[in-house]
Amino acid sequence: VQLQASGGGLVQAGGSLQLSCAASGRTFSSYVMAWFRQTPGKEREFVAAISGGGGRTSYANSVKGRFTISRVNAENTVYLRMNSLKPEDTAIYYCAGAKRYDLAIDRREYDYWGRGTQVTVSS
């Protein structure tokens, strides 16, 4: 599976962005998909995950209520809608995939990674 993230950019605090991650392959619905983010000097941290069918989701406490993960399996795409953005959301955002059932939050549980997309939130 190859993943390609897009949609990052510069936004003011309180604004919104939507990230997209397009996947190759014909078994996309078999994969749990997730978003992680990373800032310089810090480890890559979990943001959100969604089950293969889209019926289950999980969020980091820091983004719960502001971010929404979704997927369209017919389009092999997973999205991250980010509302009420804060300067501390500034990071490189990565999409990741794993052929599993449970929604892992540990980055080591994911086998496939896309190149990151930069999100910058100005105060």
N, C-alpha and C. Protein backbone atom coordinates (compact mmCIF):
# COMPACT_ATOMS: atom_id res chain seq x y z
N VAL A 1 0.85 -1.19 0.00
CA VAL A 1 0.00 0.00 0.00
C VAL A 1 0.88 1.24 0.00
N GLN A 2 0.59 2.14 -0.92
CA GLN A 2 1.29 3.41 -0.95
C GLN A 2 0.32 4.51 -0.57
N LEU A 3 0.80 5.44 0.27
CA LEU A 3 -0.06 6.49 0.80
C LEU A 3 0.49 7.85 0.41
N GLN A 4 -0.41 8.75 0.07
CA GLN A 4 -0.02 10.10 -0.32
C GLN A 4 -0.92 11.09 0.39
N ALA A 5 -0.34 11.84 1.32
CA ALA A 5 -1.10 12.83 2.08
C ALA A 5 -1.02 14.19 1.41
N SER A 6 -2.08 14.97 1.55
CA SER A 6 -2.11 16.32 1.00
C SER A 6 -3.09 17.17 1.80
N GLY A 7 -3.07 18.47 1.53
CA GLY A 7 -4.05 19.35 2.14
C GLY A 7 -3.52 20.26 3.23
N GLY A 8 -2.25 20.10 3.58
CA GLY A 8 -1.69 20.96 4.60
C GLY A 8 -1.55 22.39 4.13
N GLY A 9 -1.22 23.27 5.06
CA GLY A 9 -1.05 24.66 4.70
C GLY A 9 -0.94 25.54 5.93
N LEU A 10 -1.06 26.84 5.69
CA LEU A 10 -0.99 27.83 6.75
C LEU A 10 -2.40 28.35 7.03
N VAL A 11 -2.78 28.37 8.30
CA VAL A 11 -4.11 28.83 8.67
C VAL A 11 -4.02 29.59 9.99
N GLN A 12 -4.92 30.52 10.19
CA GLN A 12 -4.94 31.26 11.45
C GLN A 12 -5.61 30.42 12.54
N ALA A 13 -5.27 30.71 13.76
CA ALA A 13 -5.90 30.04 14.89
C ALA A 13 -7.41 30.21 14.81
N GLY A 14 -8.11 29.12 15.08
CA GLY A 14 -9.56 29.12 14.96
C GLY A 14 -10.07 28.67 13.61
N GLY A 15 -9.18 28.58 12.66
CA GLY A 15 -9.56 28.17 11.31
C GLY A 15 -9.65 26.67 11.14
N SER A 16 -9.87 26.26 9.91
CA SER A 16 -10.06 24.85 9.59
C SER A 16 -9.20 24.43 8.40
N LEU A 17 -8.88 23.15 8.36
CA LEU A 17 -8.20 22.54 7.23
C LEU A 17 -8.71 21.11 7.10
N GLN A 18 -8.65 20.59 5.89
CA GLN A 18 -8.96 19.18 5.70
C GLN A 18 -7.79 18.51 5.00
N LEU A 19 -7.25 17.48 5.64
CA LEU A 19 -6.19 16.69 5.05
C LEU A 19 -6.80 15.48 4.35
N SER A 20 -6.14 15.07 3.28
CA SER A 20 -6.55 13.87 2.54
C SER A 20 -5.37 12.92 2.44
N CYS A 21 -5.67 11.65 2.38
CA CYS A 21 -4.64 10.64 2.19
C CYS A 21 -5.17 9.63 1.18
N ALA A 22 -4.56 9.60 0.02
CA ALA A 22 -4.97 8.68 -1.03
C ALA A 22 -4.11 7.43 -0.97
N ALA A 23 -4.75 6.28 -1.07
CA ALA A 23 -4.04 5.00 -0.97
C ALA A 23 -4.13 4.23 -2.27
N SER A 24 -3.08 3.51 -2.57
CA SER A 24 -3.10 2.60 -3.72
C SER A 24 -3.59 1.24 -3.25
N GLY A 25 -3.84 0.34 -4.17
CA GLY A 25 -4.20 -1.02 -3.79
C GLY A 25 -5.69 -1.25 -3.82
N ARG A 26 -6.05 -2.53 -3.83
CA ARG A 26 -7.45 -2.90 -3.99
C ARG A 26 -8.09 -3.43 -2.71
N THR A 27 -7.36 -3.41 -1.59
CA THR A 27 -7.90 -3.92 -0.34
C THR A 27 -7.93 -2.85 0.73
N PHE A 28 -8.18 -1.63 0.33
CA PHE A 28 -8.14 -0.48 1.25
C PHE A 28 -9.05 -0.68 2.44
N SER A 29 -10.19 -1.26 2.22
CA SER A 29 -11.16 -1.44 3.32
C SER A 29 -10.69 -2.44 4.37
N SER A 30 -9.62 -3.15 4.11
CA SER A 30 -9.06 -4.09 5.09
C SER A 30 -8.11 -3.41 6.06
N TYR A 31 -7.84 -2.15 5.83
CA TYR A 31 -6.83 -1.44 6.60
C TYR A 31 -7.43 -0.46 7.58
N VAL A 32 -6.95 -0.54 8.81
CA VAL A 32 -7.15 0.57 9.75
C VAL A 32 -6.26 1.71 9.26
N MET A 33 -6.82 2.89 9.23
CA MET A 33 -6.07 4.07 8.80
C MET A 33 -5.98 5.05 9.95
N ALA A 34 -4.87 5.77 10.01
CA ALA A 34 -4.66 6.69 11.11
C ALA A 34 -3.90 7.92 10.65
N TRP A 35 -4.00 8.94 11.47
CA TRP A 35 -3.19 10.15 11.30
C TRP A 35 -2.32 10.31 12.54
N PHE A 36 -1.06 10.66 12.30
CA PHE A 36 -0.11 11.00 13.34
C PHE A 36 0.46 12.36 13.02
N ARG A 37 1.10 12.97 13.99
CA ARG A 37 1.77 14.24 13.73
C ARG A 37 3.08 14.31 14.51
N GLN A 38 3.95 15.15 14.00
CA GLN A 38 5.28 15.25 14.60
C GLN A 38 5.81 16.66 14.49
N THR A 39 6.40 17.14 15.59
CA THR A 39 7.08 18.41 15.61
C THR A 39 8.56 18.15 15.89
N PRO A 40 9.42 19.10 15.53
CA PRO A 40 10.87 18.90 15.70
C PRO A 40 11.23 18.55 17.14
N GLY A 41 12.04 17.53 17.30
CA GLY A 41 12.50 17.14 18.61
C GLY A 41 11.54 16.28 19.41
N LYS A 42 10.37 16.01 18.85
CA LYS A 42 9.38 15.20 19.56
C LYS A 42 9.08 13.93 18.78
N GLU A 43 8.56 12.95 19.50
CA GLU A 43 8.18 11.72 18.83
C GLU A 43 6.87 11.93 18.07
N ARG A 44 6.70 11.08 17.07
CA ARG A 44 5.46 11.13 16.29
C ARG A 44 4.30 10.69 17.19
N GLU A 45 3.26 11.49 17.25
CA GLU A 45 2.15 11.20 18.16
C GLU A 45 0.87 10.91 17.42
N PHE A 46 0.09 10.05 18.04
CA PHE A 46 -1.20 9.64 17.50
C PHE A 46 -2.19 10.81 17.51
N VAL A 47 -2.96 10.91 16.43
CA VAL A 47 -4.00 11.92 16.32
C VAL A 47 -5.38 11.26 16.25
N ALA A 48 -5.56 10.36 15.29
CA ALA A 48 -6.88 9.73 15.10
C ALA A 48 -6.72 8.47 14.28
N ALA A 49 -7.67 7.55 14.45
CA ALA A 49 -7.69 6.32 13.68
C ALA A 49 -9.12 5.95 13.33
N ILE A 50 -9.26 5.17 12.26
CA ILE A 50 -10.58 4.75 11.82
C ILE A 50 -10.50 3.31 11.33
N SER A 51 -11.54 2.53 11.62
CA SER A 51 -11.56 1.13 11.23
C SER A 51 -11.76 0.99 9.72
N GLY A 52 -11.56 -0.22 9.24
CA GLY A 52 -11.63 -0.47 7.82
C GLY A 52 -12.98 -0.11 7.20
N GLY A 53 -14.04 -0.40 7.92
CA GLY A 53 -15.36 -0.07 7.43
C GLY A 53 -15.82 1.33 7.78
N GLY A 54 -15.07 2.00 8.62
CA GLY A 54 -15.40 3.37 8.99
C GLY A 54 -16.31 3.50 10.20
N GLY A 55 -16.73 2.38 10.77
CA GLY A 55 -17.68 2.45 11.87
C GLY A 55 -17.10 2.75 13.23
N ARG A 56 -15.82 2.61 13.36
CA ARG A 56 -15.16 2.87 14.65
C ARG A 56 -14.06 3.90 14.46
N THR A 57 -13.97 4.83 15.42
CA THR A 57 -12.94 5.84 15.38
C THR A 57 -12.33 6.01 16.77
N SER A 58 -11.15 6.58 16.78
CA SER A 58 -10.45 6.86 18.03
C SER A 58 -9.69 8.16 17.85
N TYR A 59 -9.64 8.97 18.92
CA TYR A 59 -8.98 10.27 18.85
C TYR A 59 -8.08 10.49 20.06
N ALA A 60 -7.02 11.23 19.83
CA ALA A 60 -6.23 11.71 20.95
C ALA A 60 -7.06 12.73 21.72
N ASN A 61 -6.86 12.79 23.02
CA ASN A 61 -7.63 13.72 23.84
C ASN A 61 -7.44 15.17 23.39
N SER A 62 -6.25 15.45 22.89
CA SER A 62 -5.93 16.84 22.51
C SER A 62 -6.72 17.33 21.31
N VAL A 63 -7.29 16.41 20.53
CA VAL A 63 -8.01 16.83 19.32
C VAL A 63 -9.49 16.43 19.36
N LYS A 64 -9.88 15.71 20.39
CA LYS A 64 -11.26 15.23 20.47
C LYS A 64 -12.22 16.40 20.47
N GLY A 65 -13.25 16.30 19.64
CA GLY A 65 -14.23 17.37 19.54
C GLY A 65 -13.88 18.43 18.52
N ARG A 66 -12.64 18.44 18.03
CA ARG A 66 -12.21 19.43 17.04
C ARG A 66 -11.87 18.78 15.70
N PHE A 67 -11.33 17.57 15.75
CA PHE A 67 -10.92 16.86 14.54
C PHE A 67 -11.87 15.71 14.26
N THR A 68 -12.07 15.42 12.97
CA THR A 68 -12.90 14.28 12.57
C THR A 68 -12.18 13.50 11.49
N ILE A 69 -12.02 12.20 11.74
CA ILE A 69 -11.44 11.31 10.73
C ILE A 69 -12.57 10.60 10.01
N SER A 70 -12.43 10.45 8.71
CA SER A 70 -13.43 9.74 7.92
C SER A 70 -12.74 9.07 6.73
N ARG A 71 -13.48 8.22 6.05
CA ARG A 71 -12.89 7.55 4.89
C ARG A 71 -13.97 7.26 3.87
N VAL A 72 -13.55 7.20 2.61
CA VAL A 72 -14.41 6.80 1.51
C VAL A 72 -13.70 5.64 0.83
N ASN A 73 -14.11 4.44 1.13
CA ASN A 73 -13.39 3.27 0.61
C ASN A 73 -13.48 3.16 -0.90
N ALA A 74 -14.57 3.60 -1.46
CA ALA A 74 -14.70 3.54 -2.92
C ALA A 74 -13.68 4.43 -3.61
N GLU A 75 -13.16 5.40 -2.87
CA GLU A 75 -12.16 6.32 -3.43
C GLU A 75 -10.77 6.07 -2.86
N ASN A 76 -10.63 5.04 -2.01
CA ASN A 76 -9.34 4.74 -1.37
C ASN A 76 -8.75 5.96 -0.68
N THR A 77 -9.58 6.69 0.03
CA THR A 77 -9.13 7.95 0.63
C THR A 77 -9.59 8.05 2.08
N VAL A 78 -8.72 8.56 2.92
CA VAL A 78 -9.06 8.87 4.30
C VAL A 78 -8.84 10.37 4.50
N TYR A 79 -9.70 10.97 5.31
CA TYR A 79 -9.66 12.41 5.53
C TYR A 79 -9.46 12.72 7.01
N LEU A 80 -8.93 13.92 7.25
CA LEU A 80 -8.89 14.45 8.61
C LEU A 80 -9.38 15.89 8.53
N ARG A 81 -10.57 16.11 9.04
CA ARG A 81 -11.13 17.45 9.10
C ARG A 81 -10.70 18.06 10.43
N MET A 82 -10.04 19.21 10.35
CA MET A 82 -9.51 19.86 11.54
C MET A 82 -10.17 21.22 11.71
N ASN A 83 -10.93 21.36 12.77
CA ASN A 83 -11.60 22.63 13.08
C ASN A 83 -11.02 23.24 14.34
N SER A 84 -11.30 24.50 14.54
CA SER A 84 -10.85 25.22 15.74
C SER A 84 -9.36 24.98 15.98
N LEU A 85 -8.59 25.17 14.95
CA LEU A 85 -7.16 24.88 15.04
C LEU A 85 -6.46 25.82 16.00
N LYS A 86 -5.45 25.27 16.67
CA LYS A 86 -4.66 26.01 17.64
C LYS A 86 -3.20 26.01 17.21
N PRO A 87 -2.42 26.98 17.65
CA PRO A 87 -1.00 26.98 17.30
C PRO A 87 -0.29 25.68 17.67
N GLU A 88 -0.72 25.05 18.74
CA GLU A 88 -0.09 23.79 19.15
C GLU A 88 -0.44 22.62 18.25
N ASP A 89 -1.33 22.82 17.29
CA ASP A 89 -1.60 21.79 16.28
C ASP A 89 -0.57 21.84 15.15
N THR A 90 0.28 22.85 15.16
CA THR A 90 1.31 22.96 14.14
C THR A 90 2.22 21.75 14.17
N ALA A 91 2.36 21.09 13.03
CA ALA A 91 3.15 19.85 12.95
C ALA A 91 3.16 19.37 11.51
N ILE A 92 3.99 18.37 11.28
CA ILE A 92 3.88 17.61 10.03
C ILE A 92 2.92 16.45 10.32
N TYR A 93 1.93 16.32 9.49
CA TYR A 93 0.91 15.29 9.66
C TYR A 93 1.17 14.15 8.69
N TYR A 94 1.10 12.93 9.22
CA TYR A 94 1.35 11.73 8.43
C TYR A 94 0.12 10.82 8.47
N CYS A 95 -0.20 10.22 7.34
CA CYS A 95 -1.20 9.17 7.37
C CYS A 95 -0.50 7.82 7.41
N ALA A 96 -1.16 6.85 8.01
CA ALA A 96 -0.57 5.53 8.20
C ALA A 96 -1.65 4.47 8.05
N GLY A 97 -1.23 3.26 7.68
CA GLY A 97 -2.17 2.17 7.51
C GLY A 97 -1.64 0.87 8.07
N ALA A 98 -2.57 0.03 8.52
CA ALA A 98 -2.20 -1.28 9.03
C ALA A 98 -3.35 -2.25 8.78
N LYS A 99 -3.00 -3.45 8.38
CA LYS A 99 -4.02 -4.47 8.13
C LYS A 99 -4.31 -5.16 9.46
N ARG A 100 -5.28 -4.62 10.17
CA ARG A 100 -5.62 -5.09 11.49
C ARG A 100 -7.05 -4.75 11.80
N TYR A 101 -7.54 -5.21 12.96
CA TYR A 101 -8.92 -4.92 13.35
C TYR A 101 -8.99 -3.80 14.39
N ASP A 102 -8.13 -3.87 15.39
CA ASP A 102 -8.23 -2.88 16.46
C ASP A 102 -7.57 -1.57 16.05
N LEU A 103 -8.01 -0.50 16.70
CA LEU A 103 -7.54 0.85 16.37
C LEU A 103 -6.31 1.15 17.22
N ALA A 104 -5.14 0.83 16.69
CA ALA A 104 -3.91 1.04 17.42
C ALA A 104 -3.56 2.52 17.49
N ILE A 105 -2.99 2.92 18.62
CA ILE A 105 -2.54 4.30 18.77
C ILE A 105 -1.01 4.38 18.81
N ASP A 106 -0.35 3.23 18.80
CA ASP A 106 1.11 3.18 18.82
C ASP A 106 1.61 3.20 17.38
N ARG A 107 2.48 4.13 17.06
CA ARG A 107 2.96 4.25 15.69
C ARG A 107 3.68 2.99 15.22
N ARG A 108 4.22 2.21 16.14
CA ARG A 108 4.93 1.00 15.76
C ARG A 108 3.99 -0.10 15.25
N GLU A 109 2.70 0.08 15.43
CA GLU A 109 1.72 -0.91 14.95
C GLU A 109 1.34 -0.67 13.50
N TYR A 110 1.83 0.40 12.91
CA TYR A 110 1.45 0.72 11.53
C TYR A 110 2.59 0.39 10.58
N ASP A 111 2.25 -0.25 9.48
CA ASP A 111 3.25 -0.73 8.53
C ASP A 111 3.49 0.20 7.37
N TYR A 112 2.49 0.99 7.04
CA TYR A 112 2.57 1.82 5.84
C TYR A 112 2.41 3.28 6.22
N TRP A 113 3.26 4.10 5.63
CA TRP A 113 3.29 5.52 5.95
C TRP A 113 3.37 6.34 4.68
N GLY A 114 2.67 7.46 4.68
CA GLY A 114 2.80 8.40 3.60
C GLY A 114 3.81 9.48 3.97
N ARG A 115 4.21 10.25 2.99
CA ARG A 115 5.03 11.42 3.27
C ARG A 115 4.16 12.46 3.95
N GLY A 116 4.71 13.17 4.86
CA GLY A 116 3.93 14.10 5.65
C GLY A 116 3.51 15.34 4.89
N THR A 117 2.54 16.03 5.47
CA THR A 117 2.09 17.31 4.96
C THR A 117 2.12 18.31 6.11
N GLN A 118 2.68 19.48 5.84
CA GLN A 118 2.90 20.46 6.90
C GLN A 118 1.62 21.25 7.19
N VAL A 119 1.28 21.32 8.47
CA VAL A 119 0.18 22.18 8.93
C VAL A 119 0.78 23.21 9.87
N THR A 120 0.54 24.48 9.56
CA THR A 120 1.04 25.56 10.39
C THR A 120 -0.13 26.44 10.81
N VAL A 121 -0.29 26.62 12.12
CA VAL A 121 -1.37 27.44 12.65
C VAL A 121 -0.76 28.66 13.30
N SER A 122 -1.11 29.82 12.79
CA SER A 122 -0.56 31.06 13.33
C SER A 122 -1.48 31.63 14.40
N SER A 123 -0.88 32.28 15.37
CA SER A 123 -1.67 32.85 16.48
C SER A 123 -2.13 34.26 16.17
